[in-house]
Amino acid sequence: MALTIEEIKQQGAKLRKVLGLMTWPVGIRFCVKGEDCRVADFKRPYRDLGIRVAFCQAINIARTYGWKLAIGIEDSYCMIGAEALGLTGEDPGLHR
């Protein structure tokens, strides 16, 4: 059973209240190249905020402010994080 975004938000708010969390719970979804991810209402760090961030910073921004962020290679300055998440398109051959 797939949950709607509104149901996920309600569950997140309940989780935050019950556990006494100081920041918002964060969910992450990875999109495959060419997939329609529908991120038009998401903030893009470089385009919308004028900054490039590491992925750990993006997660902290989402947790702290409750923002929806879409992160791509153009938003990142941390190439180790980008490589770990498969955004560089390079195959370093580490898993052979």
C-alpha atoms as a PDB file:
ATOM      1  CA  MET A   1       0.000   0.000   0.000  1.00  0.00           C
ATOM      2  CA  ALA A   2       1.576   3.265  -1.121  1.00  0.00           C
ATOM      3  CA  LEU A   3       1.075   6.261   1.125  1.00  0.00           C
ATOM      4  CA  THR A   4       0.259   9.699  -0.166  1.00  0.00           C
ATOM      5  CA  ILE A   5       2.567  12.622   0.590  1.00  0.00           C
ATOM      6  CA  GLU A   6      -0.051  14.031   2.962  1.00  0.00           C
ATOM      7  CA  GLU A   7      -0.202  10.736   4.910  1.00  0.00           C
ATOM      8  CA  ILE A   8       3.582  10.658   5.131  1.00  0.00           C
ATOM      9  CA  LYS A   9       3.616  14.245   6.444  1.00  0.00           C
ATOM     10  CA  GLN A  10       1.025  13.345   9.089  1.00  0.00           C
ATOM     11  CA  GLN A  11       3.035  10.308  10.172  1.00  0.00           C
ATOM     12  CA  GLY A  12       6.213  12.417  10.323  1.00  0.00           C
ATOM     13  CA  ALA A  13       4.507  15.032  12.505  1.00  0.00           C
ATOM     14  CA  LYS A  14       3.190  12.291  14.802  1.00  0.00           C
ATOM     15  CA  LEU A  15       6.627  10.650  14.994  1.00  0.00           C
ATOM     16  CA  ARG A  16       8.239  13.982  15.829  1.00  0.00           C
ATOM     17  CA  LYS A  17       5.723  14.661  18.598  1.00  0.00           C
ATOM     18  CA  VAL A  18       5.769  11.163  20.140  1.00  0.00           C
ATOM     19  CA  LEU A  19       9.581  10.893  20.147  1.00  0.00           C
ATOM     20  CA  GLY A  20      10.151  14.528  21.088  1.00  0.00           C
ATOM     21  CA  LEU A  21      12.456  15.104  18.121  1.00  0.00           C
ATOM     22  CA  MET A  22      13.959  18.566  17.740  1.00  0.00           C
ATOM     23  CA  THR A  23      14.095  18.266  13.945  1.00  0.00           C
ATOM     24  CA  TRP A  24      11.844  16.825  11.235  1.00  0.00           C
ATOM     25  CA  PRO A  25      12.142  13.171  10.161  1.00  0.00           C
ATOM     26  CA  VAL A  26      13.638  12.976   6.666  1.00  0.00           C
ATOM     27  CA  GLY A  27      12.731  10.620   3.854  1.00  0.00           C
ATOM     28  CA  ILE A  28      15.000  10.182   0.842  1.00  0.00           C
ATOM     29  CA  ARG A  29      13.997   8.989  -2.604  1.00  0.00           C
ATOM     30  CA  PHE A  30      16.473   8.284  -5.372  1.00  0.00           C
ATOM     31  CA  CYS A  31      15.349   8.816  -8.964  1.00  0.00           C
ATOM     32  CA  VAL A  32      16.746   6.905 -11.907  1.00  0.00           C
ATOM     33  CA  LYS A  33      18.114   8.973 -14.795  1.00  0.00           C
ATOM     34  CA  GLY A  34      15.273   9.849 -17.145  1.00  0.00           C
ATOM     35  CA  GLU A  35      12.592   9.137 -14.527  1.00  0.00           C
ATOM     36  CA  ASP A  36       9.927  11.796 -13.942  1.00  0.00           C
ATOM     37  CA  CYS A  37      10.534  12.654 -10.281  1.00  0.00           C
ATOM     38  CA  ARG A  38       8.127  15.597 -10.111  1.00  0.00           C
ATOM     39  CA  VAL A  39      10.425  17.924  -8.204  1.00  0.00           C
ATOM     40  CA  ALA A  40       8.991  21.219  -9.483  1.00  0.00           C
ATOM     41  CA  ASP A  41       7.977  22.312  -5.966  1.00  0.00           C
ATOM     42  CA  PHE A  42      11.289  21.230  -4.395  1.00  0.00           C
ATOM     43  CA  LYS A  43      14.065  23.701  -3.607  1.00  0.00           C
ATOM     44  CA  ARG A  44      17.352  23.239  -5.494  1.00  0.00           C
ATOM     45  CA  PRO A  45      20.326  24.503  -3.441  1.00  0.00           C
ATOM     46  CA  TYR A  46      22.288  26.000  -6.328  1.00  0.00           C
ATOM     47  CA  ARG A  47      19.385  27.358  -8.350  1.00  0.00           C
ATOM     48  CA  ASP A  48      17.206  28.639  -5.495  1.00  0.00           C
ATOM     49  CA  LEU A  49      19.661  29.401  -2.689  1.00  0.00           C
ATOM     50  CA  GLY A  50      22.817  30.193  -4.677  1.00  0.00           C
ATOM     51  CA  ILE A  51      24.893  27.643  -2.758  1.00  0.00           C
ATOM     52  CA  ARG A  52      26.427  24.254  -3.365  1.00  0.00           C
ATOM     53  CA  VAL A  53      26.170  21.834  -0.470  1.00  0.00           C
ATOM     54  CA  ALA A  54      27.393  18.459   0.662  1.00  0.00           C
ATOM     55  CA  PHE A  55      24.669  15.829   0.868  1.00  0.00           C
ATOM     56  CA  CYS A  56      24.983  15.626   4.636  1.00  0.00           C
ATOM     57  CA  GLN A  57      24.344  19.392   4.746  1.00  0.00           C
ATOM     58  CA  ALA A  58      21.294  19.001   2.493  1.00  0.00           C
ATOM     59  CA  ILE A  59      19.867  16.386   4.857  1.00  0.00           C
ATOM     60  CA  ASN A  60      20.467  18.730   7.792  1.00  0.00           C
ATOM     61  CA  ILE A  61      18.728  21.610   5.954  1.00  0.00           C
ATOM     62  CA  ALA A  62      15.711  19.371   5.292  1.00  0.00           C
ATOM     63  CA  ARG A  63      15.652  18.208   8.925  1.00  0.00           C
ATOM     64  CA  THR A  64      16.013  21.680  10.403  1.00  0.00           C
ATOM     65  CA  TYR A  65      13.711  23.695   8.143  1.00  0.00           C
ATOM     66  CA  GLY A  66      11.358  20.970   6.923  1.00  0.00           C
ATOM     67  CA  TRP A  67      12.116  21.892   3.297  1.00  0.00           C
ATOM     68  CA  LYS A  68      11.763  19.539   0.358  1.00  0.00           C
ATOM     69  CA  LEU A  69      15.089  19.492  -1.488  1.00  0.00           C
ATOM     70  CA  ALA A  70      16.071  17.990  -4.815  1.00  0.00           C
ATOM     71  CA  ILE A  71      19.819  17.447  -5.058  1.00  0.00           C
ATOM     72  CA  GLY A  72      21.776  16.779  -8.224  1.00  0.00           C
ATOM     73  CA  ILE A  73      25.426  16.858  -9.170  1.00  0.00           C
ATOM     74  CA  GLU A  74      25.154  20.590  -9.985  1.00  0.00           C
ATOM     75  CA  ASP A  75      24.053  21.304  -6.386  1.00  0.00           C
ATOM     76  CA  SER A  76      26.969  19.460  -4.796  1.00  0.00           C
ATOM     77  CA  TYR A  77      30.509  20.474  -3.959  1.00  0.00           C
ATOM     78  CA  CYS A  78      31.253  17.189  -2.179  1.00  0.00           C
ATOM     79  CA  MET A  79      32.291  14.786  -4.914  1.00  0.00           C
ATOM     80  CA  ILE A  80      32.879  11.956  -2.454  1.00  0.00           C
ATOM     81  CA  GLY A  81      29.216  12.164  -1.401  1.00  0.00           C
ATOM     82  CA  ALA A  82      28.110  12.529  -5.037  1.00  0.00           C
ATOM     83  CA  GLU A  83      30.115   9.440  -5.993  1.00  0.00           C
ATOM     84  CA  ALA A  84      28.762   7.473  -3.031  1.00  0.00           C
ATOM     85  CA  LEU A  85      25.215   8.284  -4.161  1.00  0.00           C
ATOM     86  CA  GLY A  86      25.943   7.421  -7.782  1.00  0.00           C
ATOM     87  CA  LEU A  87      25.538  10.934  -9.183  1.00  0.00           C
ATOM     88  CA  THR A  88      28.853  11.243 -10.993  1.00  0.00           C
ATOM     89  CA  GLY A  89      28.158   8.558 -13.559  1.00  0.00           C
ATOM     90  CA  GLU A  90      31.687   7.257 -13.136  1.00  0.00           C
ATOM     91  CA  ASP A  91      32.470   3.671 -12.245  1.00  0.00           C
ATOM     92  CA  PRO A  92      35.524   3.709 -10.004  1.00  0.00           C
ATOM     93  CA  GLY A  93      35.691  -0.090 -10.197  1.00  0.00           C
ATOM     94  CA  LEU A  94      35.580  -0.523  -6.450  1.00  0.00           C
ATOM     95  CA  HIS A  95      32.998  -3.309  -6.454  1.00  0.00           C
ATOM     96  CA  ARG A  96      34.578  -5.720  -8.920  1.00  0.00           C
END
